[in-house]
Amino acid sequence: MSTGFLVPSVSYPCEMAGVAVVTDSTSSLSREQATHAGVLTIPLQVVIDGVSSAESEDGRTAAAVAQALRQGKSVTTSRPTPEAFAAAFDDLATAGAEGIVSVCLSRKMSGTCGAA
């Protein structure tokens, strides 16, 4: 089952054959930066009044959050799901990764490390 994540092809000269790098959207890497570095970015979840959706880079999330806050709605974030990481790891393995390095926030700050 494909997740729809873009599995990056490493484009920098010091690539490590067979090793994929995964992080979450708290890394603040733009799509272009992540693609150039060969890093797969898993989006955080944005929760507005109990409804969760994946954070997007296209400005929709920021606009939705701003509107929700103006309307007095509850807005929080949540870690990516363990299933999102598992699906991404499976996609990377299918694409030929022999090892995966996952770089996440400290577990003292976020549940992302535990999800990965």
N, C-alpha and C. Protein backbone atom coordinates (compact mmCIF):
# COMPACT_ATOMS: atom_id res chain seq x y z
N MET A 1 0.84 -1.18 0.00
CA MET A 1 0.00 0.00 0.00
C MET A 1 0.88 1.24 0.00
N SER A 2 0.77 2.04 -0.99
CA SER A 2 1.56 3.26 -1.08
C SER A 2 0.89 4.37 -0.29
N THR A 3 1.70 5.17 0.40
CA THR A 3 1.19 6.24 1.25
C THR A 3 0.98 7.54 0.50
N GLY A 4 1.52 7.64 -0.69
CA GLY A 4 1.46 8.90 -1.41
C GLY A 4 2.62 9.81 -1.06
N PHE A 5 3.50 9.40 -0.13
CA PHE A 5 4.67 10.19 0.19
C PHE A 5 5.61 10.15 -1.00
N LEU A 6 6.25 11.26 -1.30
CA LEU A 6 7.27 11.28 -2.32
C LEU A 6 8.53 10.68 -1.72
N VAL A 7 8.96 9.57 -2.24
CA VAL A 7 10.19 8.95 -1.77
C VAL A 7 11.33 9.65 -2.48
N PRO A 8 12.14 10.41 -1.73
CA PRO A 8 13.18 11.23 -2.37
C PRO A 8 14.28 10.39 -2.97
N SER A 9 14.85 10.89 -4.03
CA SER A 9 16.08 10.30 -4.55
C SER A 9 17.20 11.24 -4.12
N VAL A 10 18.20 10.68 -3.52
CA VAL A 10 19.27 11.49 -2.94
C VAL A 10 20.03 12.18 -4.05
N SER A 11 20.25 13.49 -3.89
CA SER A 11 20.92 14.24 -4.95
C SER A 11 22.21 14.91 -4.48
N TYR A 12 22.63 14.68 -3.28
CA TYR A 12 23.86 15.31 -2.82
C TYR A 12 25.03 14.34 -2.97
N PRO A 13 26.24 14.85 -3.12
CA PRO A 13 27.38 14.00 -3.50
C PRO A 13 27.84 13.03 -2.43
N CYS A 14 27.52 13.26 -1.18
CA CYS A 14 28.03 12.38 -0.13
C CYS A 14 26.98 11.37 0.31
N GLU A 15 26.11 10.97 -0.59
CA GLU A 15 25.04 10.05 -0.23
C GLU A 15 25.57 8.75 0.36
N MET A 16 24.78 8.19 1.25
CA MET A 16 25.12 6.92 1.87
C MET A 16 24.24 5.87 1.22
N ALA A 17 24.82 5.02 0.44
CA ALA A 17 24.05 4.03 -0.31
C ALA A 17 23.17 3.21 0.61
N GLY A 18 21.90 3.15 0.27
CA GLY A 18 20.96 2.30 0.99
C GLY A 18 20.39 2.86 2.27
N VAL A 19 20.78 4.05 2.69
CA VAL A 19 20.29 4.63 3.94
C VAL A 19 19.35 5.79 3.63
N ALA A 20 18.13 5.70 4.16
CA ALA A 20 17.14 6.76 3.97
C ALA A 20 17.03 7.57 5.26
N VAL A 21 16.71 8.86 5.13
CA VAL A 21 16.54 9.74 6.27
C VAL A 21 15.09 10.21 6.30
N VAL A 22 14.47 10.11 7.49
CA VAL A 22 13.08 10.49 7.69
C VAL A 22 13.01 11.46 8.86
N THR A 23 12.17 12.48 8.73
CA THR A 23 11.93 13.42 9.82
C THR A 23 10.46 13.81 9.79
N ASP A 24 10.06 14.67 10.70
CA ASP A 24 8.69 15.17 10.65
C ASP A 24 8.70 16.66 10.32
N SER A 25 7.54 17.22 10.14
CA SER A 25 7.46 18.61 9.66
C SER A 25 7.93 19.65 10.66
N THR A 26 8.25 19.25 11.90
CA THR A 26 8.84 20.22 12.83
C THR A 26 10.27 20.57 12.42
N SER A 27 10.82 19.83 11.48
CA SER A 27 12.18 20.11 11.01
C SER A 27 12.24 21.44 10.27
N SER A 28 11.10 21.93 9.84
CA SER A 28 11.01 23.20 9.10
C SER A 28 11.74 23.17 7.76
N LEU A 29 11.99 22.00 7.23
CA LEU A 29 12.58 21.90 5.89
C LEU A 29 11.48 22.16 4.86
N SER A 30 11.77 22.98 3.89
CA SER A 30 10.81 23.15 2.80
C SER A 30 10.82 21.87 1.98
N ARG A 31 9.81 21.70 1.16
CA ARG A 31 9.75 20.52 0.29
C ARG A 31 11.01 20.45 -0.59
N GLU A 32 11.43 21.62 -1.10
CA GLU A 32 12.60 21.67 -1.97
C GLU A 32 13.87 21.27 -1.22
N GLN A 33 14.02 21.79 0.01
CA GLN A 33 15.21 21.44 0.80
C GLN A 33 15.24 19.95 1.12
N ALA A 34 14.09 19.42 1.52
CA ALA A 34 14.02 18.00 1.87
C ALA A 34 14.33 17.13 0.65
N THR A 35 13.76 17.48 -0.48
CA THR A 35 13.99 16.71 -1.70
C THR A 35 15.47 16.77 -2.09
N HIS A 36 16.05 17.97 -2.04
CA HIS A 36 17.46 18.13 -2.40
C HIS A 36 18.36 17.30 -1.48
N ALA A 37 18.03 17.24 -0.20
CA ALA A 37 18.84 16.50 0.76
C ALA A 37 18.48 15.02 0.83
N GLY A 38 17.40 14.62 0.13
CA GLY A 38 16.99 13.22 0.17
C GLY A 38 16.32 12.84 1.47
N VAL A 39 15.62 13.77 2.09
CA VAL A 39 14.95 13.54 3.37
C VAL A 39 13.46 13.41 3.14
N LEU A 40 12.85 12.37 3.68
CA LEU A 40 11.41 12.19 3.62
C LEU A 40 10.80 12.84 4.85
N THR A 41 9.84 13.74 4.66
CA THR A 41 9.23 14.47 5.77
C THR A 41 7.80 13.98 6.00
N ILE A 42 7.50 13.55 7.22
CA ILE A 42 6.17 13.10 7.60
C ILE A 42 5.46 14.28 8.26
N PRO A 43 4.26 14.65 7.79
CA PRO A 43 3.58 15.82 8.36
C PRO A 43 2.99 15.55 9.75
N LEU A 44 3.06 16.58 10.60
CA LEU A 44 2.36 16.54 11.88
C LEU A 44 0.86 16.59 11.61
N GLN A 45 0.09 16.29 12.63
CA GLN A 45 -1.36 16.42 12.56
C GLN A 45 -1.75 17.75 13.19
N VAL A 46 -2.66 18.47 12.56
CA VAL A 46 -3.23 19.69 13.12
C VAL A 46 -4.66 19.34 13.51
N VAL A 47 -5.00 19.64 14.76
CA VAL A 47 -6.31 19.27 15.29
C VAL A 47 -7.10 20.55 15.56
N ILE A 48 -8.21 20.71 14.84
CA ILE A 48 -9.09 21.87 15.02
C ILE A 48 -10.43 21.38 15.52
N ASP A 49 -10.77 21.78 16.74
CA ASP A 49 -12.00 21.33 17.38
C ASP A 49 -12.18 19.82 17.30
N GLY A 50 -11.11 19.09 17.56
CA GLY A 50 -11.17 17.64 17.60
C GLY A 50 -11.05 16.94 16.26
N VAL A 51 -10.97 17.69 15.17
CA VAL A 51 -10.85 17.10 13.83
C VAL A 51 -9.39 17.19 13.41
N SER A 52 -8.78 16.04 13.16
CA SER A 52 -7.36 15.98 12.84
C SER A 52 -7.14 15.85 11.34
N SER A 53 -6.13 16.57 10.84
CA SER A 53 -5.73 16.43 9.45
C SER A 53 -4.23 16.67 9.35
N ALA A 54 -3.64 16.13 8.31
CA ALA A 54 -2.19 16.27 8.13
C ALA A 54 -1.85 17.71 7.77
N GLU A 55 -0.78 18.21 8.36
CA GLU A 55 -0.28 19.54 8.04
C GLU A 55 0.15 19.58 6.58
N SER A 56 -0.15 20.69 5.90
CA SER A 56 0.25 20.81 4.50
C SER A 56 1.17 22.01 4.33
N GLU A 57 1.97 21.97 3.27
CA GLU A 57 2.91 23.05 2.99
C GLU A 57 2.32 24.15 2.13
N ASP A 58 1.14 23.93 1.59
CA ASP A 58 0.60 24.84 0.59
C ASP A 58 -0.13 26.06 1.16
N GLY A 59 -0.05 26.24 2.46
CA GLY A 59 -0.69 27.41 3.07
C GLY A 59 -2.08 27.13 3.58
N ARG A 60 -2.68 26.01 3.18
CA ARG A 60 -4.04 25.71 3.64
C ARG A 60 -4.09 25.53 5.15
N THR A 61 -3.09 24.86 5.71
CA THR A 61 -3.09 24.62 7.14
C THR A 61 -2.99 25.93 7.91
N ALA A 62 -2.07 26.80 7.51
CA ALA A 62 -1.90 28.08 8.19
C ALA A 62 -3.18 28.92 8.10
N ALA A 63 -3.81 28.93 6.94
CA ALA A 63 -5.05 29.70 6.77
C ALA A 63 -6.17 29.10 7.61
N ALA A 64 -6.26 27.77 7.64
CA ALA A 64 -7.31 27.11 8.43
C ALA A 64 -7.10 27.36 9.92
N VAL A 65 -5.85 27.32 10.37
CA VAL A 65 -5.54 27.57 11.78
C VAL A 65 -5.88 29.01 12.14
N ALA A 66 -5.48 29.95 11.30
CA ALA A 66 -5.77 31.37 11.57
C ALA A 66 -7.28 31.60 11.66
N GLN A 67 -8.03 31.03 10.73
CA GLN A 67 -9.48 31.19 10.74
C GLN A 67 -10.09 30.55 11.98
N ALA A 68 -9.62 29.36 12.33
CA ALA A 68 -10.14 28.67 13.52
C ALA A 68 -9.87 29.48 14.78
N LEU A 69 -8.68 30.04 14.90
CA LEU A 69 -8.35 30.85 16.07
C LEU A 69 -9.22 32.10 16.14
N ARG A 70 -9.46 32.74 14.99
CA ARG A 70 -10.34 33.91 14.97
C ARG A 70 -11.76 33.54 15.41
N GLN A 71 -12.17 32.31 15.13
CA GLN A 71 -13.51 31.85 15.49
C GLN A 71 -13.56 31.28 16.90
N GLY A 72 -12.43 31.30 17.60
CA GLY A 72 -12.39 30.82 18.98
C GLY A 72 -12.36 29.31 19.11
N LYS A 73 -12.01 28.61 18.05
CA LYS A 73 -11.95 27.15 18.08
C LYS A 73 -10.66 26.69 18.75
N SER A 74 -10.70 25.47 19.24
CA SER A 74 -9.52 24.86 19.84
C SER A 74 -8.59 24.38 18.73
N VAL A 75 -7.31 24.75 18.82
CA VAL A 75 -6.31 24.34 17.83
C VAL A 75 -5.10 23.76 18.55
N THR A 76 -4.72 22.55 18.19
CA THR A 76 -3.53 21.90 18.74
C THR A 76 -2.83 21.15 17.62
N THR A 77 -1.66 20.62 17.93
CA THR A 77 -0.97 19.74 16.99
C THR A 77 -0.78 18.39 17.66
N SER A 78 -0.51 17.40 16.86
CA SER A 78 -0.26 16.06 17.36
C SER A 78 0.80 15.41 16.51
N ARG A 79 1.46 14.47 17.06
CA ARG A 79 2.50 13.74 16.34
C ARG A 79 1.90 13.01 15.14
N PRO A 80 2.73 12.71 14.15
CA PRO A 80 2.26 11.84 13.08
C PRO A 80 1.89 10.47 13.67
N THR A 81 1.02 9.76 13.04
CA THR A 81 0.61 8.45 13.56
C THR A 81 1.71 7.42 13.35
N PRO A 82 1.75 6.41 14.20
CA PRO A 82 2.71 5.32 13.97
C PRO A 82 2.48 4.67 12.60
N GLU A 83 1.23 4.62 12.16
CA GLU A 83 0.92 4.04 10.85
C GLU A 83 1.54 4.86 9.71
N ALA A 84 1.59 6.18 9.88
CA ALA A 84 2.21 7.03 8.85
C ALA A 84 3.70 6.72 8.73
N PHE A 85 4.36 6.55 9.88
CA PHE A 85 5.78 6.20 9.85
C PHE A 85 5.97 4.80 9.27
N ALA A 86 5.15 3.84 9.70
CA ALA A 86 5.29 2.46 9.20
C ALA A 86 5.10 2.42 7.69
N ALA A 87 4.10 3.13 7.18
CA ALA A 87 3.86 3.14 5.73
C ALA A 87 5.02 3.79 4.99
N ALA A 88 5.55 4.88 5.54
CA ALA A 88 6.70 5.55 4.91
C ALA A 88 7.92 4.64 4.92
N PHE A 89 8.16 3.96 6.06
CA PHE A 89 9.30 3.05 6.14
C PHE A 89 9.14 1.91 5.13
N ASP A 90 7.91 1.38 4.99
CA ASP A 90 7.65 0.33 4.01
C ASP A 90 7.92 0.82 2.59
N ASP A 91 7.45 2.04 2.29
CA ASP A 91 7.68 2.62 0.96
C ASP A 91 9.18 2.77 0.69
N LEU A 92 9.92 3.22 1.69
CA LEU A 92 11.37 3.39 1.51
C LEU A 92 12.06 2.05 1.30
N ALA A 93 11.64 1.03 2.06
CA ALA A 93 12.23 -0.30 1.88
C ALA A 93 11.92 -0.85 0.50
N THR A 94 10.69 -0.63 0.04
CA THR A 94 10.30 -1.07 -1.30
C THR A 94 11.13 -0.35 -2.37
N ALA A 95 11.47 0.91 -2.09
CA ALA A 95 12.27 1.70 -3.04
C ALA A 95 13.76 1.35 -2.96
N GLY A 96 14.15 0.44 -2.05
CA GLY A 96 15.53 -0.02 -2.00
C GLY A 96 16.33 0.38 -0.77
N ALA A 97 15.72 1.09 0.18
CA ALA A 97 16.47 1.47 1.38
C ALA A 97 16.80 0.22 2.20
N GLU A 98 18.06 0.12 2.62
CA GLU A 98 18.49 -0.99 3.46
C GLU A 98 18.52 -0.59 4.93
N GLY A 99 18.52 0.71 5.19
CA GLY A 99 18.51 1.23 6.55
C GLY A 99 17.79 2.56 6.55
N ILE A 100 17.24 2.93 7.72
CA ILE A 100 16.50 4.19 7.84
C ILE A 100 16.96 4.89 9.11
N VAL A 101 17.29 6.18 8.97
CA VAL A 101 17.60 7.02 10.12
C VAL A 101 16.42 7.96 10.29
N SER A 102 15.79 7.92 11.47
CA SER A 102 14.64 8.79 11.74
C SER A 102 15.08 9.87 12.73
N VAL A 103 14.96 11.13 12.32
CA VAL A 103 15.37 12.27 13.14
C VAL A 103 14.11 12.99 13.60
N CYS A 104 13.84 12.94 14.91
CA CYS A 104 12.61 13.50 15.47
C CYS A 104 12.92 14.38 16.67
N LEU A 105 11.89 15.12 17.09
CA LEU A 105 12.01 15.88 18.33
C LEU A 105 12.27 14.94 19.51
N SER A 106 12.87 15.46 20.54
CA SER A 106 13.08 14.71 21.77
C SER A 106 11.75 14.21 22.32
N ARG A 107 11.75 13.00 22.87
CA ARG A 107 10.50 12.47 23.45
C ARG A 107 10.03 13.29 24.64
N LYS A 108 10.91 14.12 25.21
CA LYS A 108 10.48 15.01 26.28
C LYS A 108 9.62 16.15 25.75
N MET A 109 9.73 16.43 24.44
CA MET A 109 8.99 17.53 23.84
C MET A 109 7.79 17.07 23.00
N SER A 110 7.83 15.82 22.52
CA SER A 110 6.84 15.38 21.56
C SER A 110 6.70 13.87 21.60
N GLY A 111 5.56 13.37 21.14
CA GLY A 111 5.34 11.93 21.02
C GLY A 111 5.83 11.37 19.69
N THR A 112 6.41 12.22 18.85
CA THR A 112 6.82 11.78 17.53
C THR A 112 7.85 10.66 17.57
N CYS A 113 8.81 10.75 18.45
CA CYS A 113 9.86 9.73 18.55
C CYS A 113 9.24 8.37 18.84
N GLY A 114 8.28 8.33 19.74
CA GLY A 114 7.59 7.08 20.07
C GLY A 114 6.78 6.55 18.91
N ALA A 115 6.22 7.44 18.11
CA ALA A 115 5.41 7.03 16.96
C ALA A 115 6.29 6.39 15.89
N ALA A 116 7.51 6.92 15.75
CA ALA A 116 8.43 6.40 14.72
C ALA A 116 8.95 5.05 15.14
